[in-house]
Amino acid sequence: MPQRLRGGIIGCGYFAQFQLAAWKRMEDVELVAACDLDPKRAQAAAPHTYSHAEEMLDHEQLDFVDIATRPASHLELTRLTLGRRIPTICQKPMAATWEEACEMAQLAKAAAVPLVIHENWRWQPWYRETRRLMDAGAIGSPVSYCFRTRQRDGLGCAAYARQPYFREMPRLLVYETVVHHIDTSRFLFGPIHALYARIRRHNDVIRGEDCAILILHHTADVDGVIDGHRFLDPDPPGAAMGEAWIDGDEAGLRINARGEIYRGGEQIYTPPPELGYKGDSVFATQRHFIETLRAGTPAESNAQAYLETFAAVEAAYRSVAERREVRPAEILDQPNNA
């Protein structure tokens, strides 16, 4: 593998700007090509620009591709990249449907090429530190937890102004936001055995749900609650977009929106100065992807592993539809799973 990896990015919209900034900080990565329907955005991203992904992939010799487009395009784009045996990191949500997510994982497995889902929440430094503290026995055995996610951008006709296409999505809060907390709960507490979900819509201007409460039970005998909406900012304000509480049988941890961790009344962790998105979690996610490419090891959020997160999202919507507790295994055991 070359000392400096040549990368290409497909999609140069709002969130891609955080990804571009992270790539540009890596000395062993060179972003040589960008693809976007808006030529100005592509030109600002990389020296070689394209309006069609297939053209970029045919003309460039790339060591990896970053897919930063909306989920409906992910299956077709991964068909293109994996078909050329190019390692790929793909933005979440993984796909538009469960069936498409399974096909993406199957494509990666058949090609024996890395496909990693860009799930950056678990890479926020306060959650990495929480995992370290728990592993060191700081709270004893975990018993329960609660994530409370908040951000005041879901109100009125101009809701989600930075990503206005959110307003037209039939599935919204769980699919786009709470998925982060579901994945982080898997990182901290292991596999999810079952969950129960309630969702509703508060802002009638949008199509999908904008309020959700999930009750989760993990196979490690830990219970959790994820409570989410986007109508209030957290207090105090901060990059963590809400708070978290984790109780053990010896002590508890609290993470505030600034990413500060408290054990009882004592502050035991202060996050580093913020260089990038939410504790520099985008950089950490992409750095992990590059390091696993070089080492030839699976990434934490490789496509096959991430199906467990996607299955929990599907289980939440099935729970709402059928008004019952649902096991993600019910989704994972379907015949179309990789």
Protein backbone atom coordinates (compact mmCIF):
# COMPACT_ATOMS: atom_id res chain seq x y z
CA MET A 1 0.00 0.00 0.00
CA PRO A 2 1.44 3.43 -0.95
CA GLN A 3 2.70 5.86 1.68
CA ARG A 4 0.08 8.39 0.58
CA LEU A 5 -3.38 7.07 -0.27
CA ARG A 6 -5.26 8.65 -3.16
CA GLY A 7 -8.92 9.24 -2.40
CA GLY A 8 -12.02 10.42 -4.20
CA ILE A 9 -15.25 11.78 -2.77
CA ILE A 10 -18.75 11.49 -4.23
CA GLY A 11 -21.05 14.24 -2.97
CA CYS A 12 -19.83 17.61 -1.75
CA GLY A 13 -22.88 18.95 0.11
CA TYR A 14 -23.40 20.21 3.66
CA PHE A 15 -22.05 17.33 5.72
CA ALA A 16 -19.35 16.45 3.22
CA GLN A 17 -17.61 19.68 4.20
CA PHE A 18 -16.74 18.14 7.58
CA GLN A 19 -15.40 15.06 5.84
CA LEU A 20 -13.37 17.11 3.38
CA ALA A 21 -11.84 19.13 6.21
CA ALA A 22 -10.84 15.91 7.98
CA TRP A 23 -9.24 14.36 4.88
CA LYS A 24 -7.21 17.50 4.29
CA ARG A 25 -5.65 17.21 7.76
CA MET A 26 -4.21 13.75 7.06
CA GLU A 27 -0.63 13.78 5.82
CA ASP A 28 -0.87 10.26 4.41
CA VAL A 29 -4.04 10.96 2.41
CA GLU A 30 -4.46 12.98 -0.77
CA LEU A 31 -7.99 13.73 -1.96
CA VAL A 32 -7.38 13.85 -5.70
CA ALA A 33 -10.92 13.72 -7.15
CA ALA A 34 -14.42 14.92 -6.33
CA CYS A 35 -17.78 14.26 -7.92
CA ASP A 36 -20.83 16.49 -7.50
CA LEU A 37 -23.66 17.74 -9.69
CA ASP A 38 -22.59 21.26 -8.72
CA PRO A 39 -19.21 21.85 -10.43
CA LYS A 40 -18.28 24.68 -8.06
CA ARG A 41 -18.62 22.45 -5.02
CA ALA A 42 -16.51 19.75 -6.67
CA GLN A 43 -13.85 22.26 -7.68
CA ALA A 44 -13.56 23.47 -4.10
CA ALA A 45 -13.03 19.90 -2.91
CA ALA A 46 -10.30 18.40 -5.14
CA PRO A 47 -8.13 19.13 -8.18
CA HIS A 48 -9.87 16.64 -10.50
CA THR A 49 -13.63 17.11 -10.75
CA TYR A 50 -16.50 15.16 -12.25
CA SER A 51 -20.27 15.34 -12.44
CA HIS A 52 -20.77 11.56 -12.78
CA ALA A 53 -19.37 8.98 -10.37
CA GLU A 54 -18.74 6.35 -13.05
CA GLU A 55 -16.62 8.80 -15.03
CA MET A 56 -14.52 9.61 -11.96
CA LEU A 57 -13.97 5.95 -11.17
CA ASP A 58 -13.01 5.17 -14.78
CA HIS A 59 -10.47 7.99 -15.02
CA GLU A 60 -8.83 7.99 -11.58
CA GLN A 61 -6.56 5.48 -9.85
CA LEU A 62 -8.01 5.57 -6.35
CA ASP A 63 -7.06 3.78 -3.14
CA PHE A 64 -10.42 4.58 -1.54
CA VAL A 65 -13.70 6.39 -2.14
CA ASP A 66 -15.79 8.40 0.32
CA ILE A 67 -19.53 8.35 -0.50
CA ALA A 68 -21.15 11.42 1.05
CA THR A 69 -24.49 11.42 -0.75
CA ARG A 70 -28.07 10.77 0.40
CA PRO A 71 -28.98 7.19 1.29
CA ALA A 72 -31.11 6.46 -1.79
CA SER A 73 -27.95 6.56 -3.91
CA HIS A 74 -25.74 4.39 -1.69
CA LEU A 75 -26.50 0.99 -3.18
CA GLU A 76 -25.84 2.06 -6.77
CA LEU A 77 -22.66 3.92 -5.84
CA THR A 78 -21.27 1.02 -3.82
CA ARG A 79 -22.01 -1.26 -6.76
CA LEU A 80 -19.71 1.00 -8.78
CA THR A 81 -16.90 1.25 -6.22
CA LEU A 82 -16.91 -2.35 -5.01
CA GLY A 83 -17.29 -3.57 -8.58
CA ARG A 84 -13.90 -1.93 -9.20
CA ARG A 85 -12.56 -3.35 -5.91
CA ILE A 86 -12.08 0.09 -4.38
CA PRO A 87 -12.30 0.28 -0.55
CA THR A 88 -15.24 2.50 0.37
CA ILE A 89 -16.47 4.51 3.33
CA CYS A 90 -20.15 5.42 3.02
CA GLN A 91 -22.14 7.99 4.98
CA LYS A 92 -25.03 6.89 7.21
CA PRO A 93 -27.92 6.14 6.97
CA MET A 94 -26.49 3.04 5.32
CA ALA A 95 -29.24 2.67 2.71
CA ALA A 96 -32.81 3.57 1.87
CA THR A 97 -34.16 0.13 2.86
CA TRP A 98 -33.15 -2.97 4.79
CA GLU A 99 -32.98 -4.94 1.55
CA GLU A 100 -30.55 -2.42 0.03
CA ALA A 101 -28.40 -2.43 3.17
CA CYS A 102 -28.17 -6.23 2.98
CA GLU A 103 -27.20 -6.09 -0.68
CA MET A 104 -24.44 -3.60 0.08
CA ALA A 105 -23.02 -5.91 2.75
CA GLN A 106 -23.26 -8.86 0.35
CA LEU A 107 -21.43 -6.93 -2.38
CA ALA A 108 -18.58 -6.12 0.00
CA LYS A 109 -18.36 -9.71 1.20
CA ALA A 110 -18.38 -11.14 -2.33
CA ALA A 111 -15.73 -8.69 -3.52
CA ALA A 112 -13.64 -9.10 -0.34
CA VAL A 113 -13.28 -5.31 -0.32
CA PRO A 114 -13.75 -3.09 2.76
CA LEU A 115 -17.05 -1.23 2.96
CA VAL A 116 -17.30 0.91 6.10
CA ILE A 117 -20.27 2.97 7.23
CA HIS A 118 -19.35 6.48 8.37
CA GLU A 119 -20.93 6.32 11.84
CA ASN A 120 -19.10 8.97 13.81
CA TRP A 121 -21.12 9.21 17.06
CA ARG A 122 -19.29 6.31 18.71
CA TRP A 123 -16.06 8.18 17.92
CA GLN A 124 -16.98 11.24 19.96
CA PRO A 125 -14.19 11.40 22.55
CA TRP A 126 -16.51 11.47 25.57
CA TYR A 127 -18.01 8.13 24.51
CA ARG A 128 -14.58 6.61 23.89
CA GLU A 129 -13.58 7.77 27.39
CA THR A 130 -16.82 6.42 28.85
CA ARG A 131 -16.06 3.02 27.36
CA ARG A 132 -12.54 3.15 28.82
CA LEU A 133 -13.86 4.10 32.26
CA MET A 134 -16.45 1.32 32.20
CA ASP A 135 -13.86 -1.23 31.12
CA ALA A 136 -11.68 -0.07 34.03
CA GLY A 137 -14.52 -0.71 36.49
CA ALA A 138 -15.37 2.91 37.27
CA ILE A 139 -19.07 2.18 37.83
CA GLY A 140 -19.05 -1.53 38.59
CA SER A 141 -21.42 -3.55 36.43
CA PRO A 142 -23.60 -1.38 34.15
CA VAL A 143 -27.30 -1.50 35.00
CA SER A 144 -29.07 1.15 32.92
CA TYR A 145 -28.57 4.25 30.79
CA CYS A 146 -30.40 7.13 29.17
CA PHE A 147 -29.51 9.23 26.13
CA ARG A 148 -31.41 12.50 25.86
CA THR A 149 -30.79 14.13 22.47
CA ARG A 150 -31.75 17.71 21.75
CA GLN A 151 -31.17 20.37 19.07
CA ARG A 152 -33.42 23.32 18.28
CA ASP A 153 -33.61 23.13 14.50
CA GLY A 154 -36.88 21.23 13.92
CA LEU A 155 -39.42 24.04 14.24
CA GLY A 156 -41.62 25.75 11.64
CA CYS A 157 -41.62 25.85 7.85
CA ALA A 158 -37.83 26.27 7.71
CA ALA A 159 -37.09 23.21 9.86
CA TYR A 160 -33.69 21.57 9.33
CA ALA A 161 -32.48 24.54 7.29
CA ARG A 162 -28.98 23.09 6.82
CA GLN A 163 -30.43 19.86 5.37
CA PRO A 164 -33.90 20.87 4.11
CA TYR A 165 -34.49 17.53 2.40
CA PHE A 166 -35.14 16.18 5.92
CA ARG A 167 -38.61 17.73 5.70
CA GLU A 168 -39.66 15.30 2.95
CA MET A 169 -38.27 12.11 4.47
CA PRO A 170 -41.01 9.62 5.46
CA ARG A 171 -38.74 8.26 8.18
CA LEU A 172 -36.78 10.94 9.99
CA LEU A 173 -35.75 11.12 13.64
CA VAL A 174 -34.98 7.46 14.31
CA TYR A 175 -33.55 6.88 10.82
CA GLU A 176 -31.36 10.01 10.74
CA THR A 177 -30.59 10.97 14.36
CA VAL A 178 -31.47 8.32 16.93
CA VAL A 179 -29.55 5.78 14.84
CA HIS A 180 -26.42 7.45 16.27
CA HIS A 181 -27.48 6.66 19.82
CA ILE A 182 -28.54 3.13 18.91
CA ASP A 183 -25.08 2.50 17.47
CA THR A 184 -23.37 4.13 20.46
CA SER A 185 -25.40 1.94 22.82
CA ARG A 186 -24.11 -1.10 20.91
CA PHE A 187 -20.56 0.21 21.26
CA LEU A 188 -20.93 0.76 25.01
CA PHE A 189 -23.19 -2.11 26.08
CA GLY A 190 -23.03 -4.74 23.35
CA PRO A 191 -25.76 -6.36 21.24
CA ILE A 192 -29.38 -5.23 21.57
CA HIS A 193 -31.69 -8.08 22.49
CA ALA A 194 -35.02 -6.25 22.09
CA LEU A 195 -36.54 -2.78 21.90
CA TYR A 196 -39.85 -1.00 22.10
CA ALA A 197 -40.46 2.32 20.35
CA ARG A 198 -42.98 5.14 20.27
CA ILE A 199 -42.75 7.90 17.66
CA ARG A 200 -44.86 10.90 16.70
CA ARG A 201 -44.76 14.09 14.64
CA HIS A 202 -44.85 17.45 16.41
CA ASN A 203 -44.16 19.72 13.42
CA ASP A 204 -46.93 19.19 10.86
CA VAL A 205 -44.85 20.78 8.10
CA ILE A 206 -42.60 17.73 7.79
CA ARG A 207 -43.47 14.19 6.61
CA GLY A 208 -41.65 11.97 9.08
CA GLU A 209 -41.50 11.58 12.84
CA ASP A 210 -39.69 14.19 14.90
CA CYS A 211 -40.17 12.78 18.42
CA ALA A 212 -39.13 9.33 19.58
CA ILE A 213 -38.69 7.31 22.76
CA LEU A 214 -37.00 3.90 22.59
CA ILE A 215 -36.64 1.38 25.41
CA LEU A 216 -33.79 -1.05 24.79
CA HIS A 217 -32.64 -4.24 26.48
CA HIS A 218 -29.14 -5.55 25.78
CA THR A 219 -28.02 -9.15 25.92
CA ALA A 220 -25.59 -8.09 28.69
CA ASP A 221 -28.67 -7.43 30.86
CA VAL A 222 -28.48 -3.64 30.58
CA ASP A 223 -31.61 -1.53 30.00
CA GLY A 224 -31.64 1.83 28.26
CA VAL A 225 -33.83 4.70 27.14
CA ILE A 226 -33.23 6.95 24.14
CA ASP A 227 -35.36 10.09 24.26
CA GLY A 228 -35.08 12.35 21.23
CA HIS A 229 -36.53 15.45 19.59
CA ARG A 230 -35.15 18.58 17.92
CA PHE A 231 -37.10 21.46 19.46
CA LEU A 232 -34.85 22.59 22.34
CA ASP A 233 -31.13 23.14 22.64
CA PRO A 234 -29.36 21.28 25.45
CA ASP A 235 -28.47 23.26 28.56
CA PRO A 236 -25.57 23.91 28.79
CA PRO A 237 -25.04 24.08 25.02
CA GLY A 238 -22.40 21.85 23.52
CA ALA A 239 -21.25 19.53 20.78
CA ALA A 240 -22.69 16.36 22.34
CA MET A 241 -26.24 17.38 21.27
CA GLY A 242 -27.75 16.31 24.57
CA GLU A 243 -26.88 14.44 27.75
CA ALA A 244 -26.31 10.86 28.83
CA TRP A 245 -26.58 9.04 32.16
CA ILE A 246 -25.06 5.62 32.80
CA ASP A 247 -25.71 3.80 36.07
CA GLY A 248 -23.71 0.93 37.46
CA ASP A 249 -24.08 -1.02 40.65
CA GLU A 250 -21.26 0.97 42.27
CA ALA A 251 -21.46 4.46 40.72
CA GLY A 252 -22.92 6.47 37.87
CA LEU A 253 -21.57 8.61 35.04
CA ARG A 254 -23.16 11.73 33.58
CA ILE A 255 -22.07 13.26 30.27
CA ASN A 256 -23.30 16.78 29.62
CA ALA A 257 -23.67 18.50 26.25
CA ARG A 258 -20.13 19.89 26.49
CA GLY A 259 -18.79 16.34 26.64
CA GLU A 260 -17.70 16.68 30.26
CA ILE A 261 -18.00 13.46 32.27
CA TYR A 262 -19.00 13.43 35.95
CA ARG A 263 -18.79 10.53 38.39
CA GLY A 264 -21.15 11.50 41.14
CA GLY A 265 -20.47 15.20 41.70
CA GLU A 266 -16.85 15.05 40.53
CA GLN A 267 -15.82 16.02 37.02
CA ILE A 268 -13.41 13.34 35.84
CA TYR A 269 -13.03 14.17 32.14
CA THR A 270 -12.76 17.35 30.08
CA PRO A 271 -12.84 16.90 26.30
CA PRO A 272 -9.90 18.19 24.24
CA PRO A 273 -10.17 21.47 22.33
CA GLU A 274 -12.51 20.94 19.42
CA LEU A 275 -10.79 20.87 16.02
CA GLY A 276 -13.67 19.49 13.99
CA TYR A 277 -17.24 18.21 14.10
CA LYS A 278 -18.50 17.14 17.55
CA GLY A 279 -15.25 16.41 19.33
CA ASP A 280 -13.43 15.78 16.06
CA SER A 281 -15.41 12.57 15.61
CA VAL A 282 -15.46 12.81 11.80
CA PHE A 283 -11.66 12.91 11.75
CA ALA A 284 -11.50 9.99 14.19
CA THR A 285 -13.91 7.93 12.09
CA GLN A 286 -12.00 8.53 8.87
CA ARG A 287 -8.65 8.02 10.58
CA HIS A 288 -9.87 4.64 11.82
CA PHE A 289 -10.93 3.73 8.28
CA ILE A 290 -7.46 4.57 6.91
CA GLU A 291 -5.67 2.70 9.68
CA THR A 292 -7.75 -0.43 9.10
CA LEU A 293 -7.03 -0.23 5.37
CA ARG A 294 -3.32 -0.13 6.08
CA ALA A 295 -3.50 -2.92 8.67
CA GLY A 296 -5.89 -5.10 6.69
CA THR A 297 -8.22 -5.39 9.70
CA PRO A 298 -12.01 -4.92 9.90
CA ALA A 299 -13.29 -1.48 10.86
CA GLU A 300 -15.66 -1.16 13.81
CA SER A 301 -18.51 -0.10 11.54
CA ASN A 302 -17.83 -2.37 8.60
CA ALA A 303 -20.96 -3.05 6.57
CA GLN A 304 -21.62 -6.51 7.99
CA ALA A 305 -21.28 -5.32 11.60
CA TYR A 306 -23.34 -2.20 10.93
CA LEU A 307 -26.29 -4.31 9.79
CA GLU A 308 -26.91 -4.84 13.52
CA THR A 309 -27.44 -1.09 13.97
CA PHE A 310 -29.59 -0.87 10.85
CA ALA A 311 -31.63 -3.87 12.05
CA ALA A 312 -32.30 -2.10 15.35
CA VAL A 313 -33.62 0.92 13.42
CA GLU A 314 -35.88 -1.39 11.42
CA ALA A 315 -36.97 -3.05 14.66
CA ALA A 316 -37.96 0.35 16.06
CA TYR A 317 -40.27 1.07 13.13
CA ARG A 318 -41.69 -2.46 13.28
CA SER A 319 -42.33 -1.93 16.99
CA VAL A 320 -44.30 1.22 16.21
CA ALA A 321 -46.31 -0.47 13.46
CA GLU A 322 -47.10 -3.60 15.47
CA ARG A 323 -47.21 -2.03 18.95
CA ARG A 324 -44.93 -4.62 20.50
CA GLU A 325 -41.38 -5.23 21.61
CA VAL A 326 -39.25 -6.36 18.67
CA ARG A 327 -35.93 -8.20 18.63
CA PRO A 328 -33.42 -6.98 16.01
CA ALA A 329 -32.72 -10.69 15.44
CA GLU A 330 -36.16 -10.87 13.77
CA ILE A 331 -34.81 -8.51 11.11
CA LEU A 332 -31.33 -10.02 10.91
CA ASP A 333 -32.73 -13.53 10.46
CA GLN A 334 -34.69 -12.58 7.34
CA PRO A 335 -33.55 -14.47 4.20
CA ASN A 336 -32.11 -11.37 2.49
CA ASN A 337 -29.50 -10.85 5.21
CA ALA A 338 -25.88 -11.22 4.08
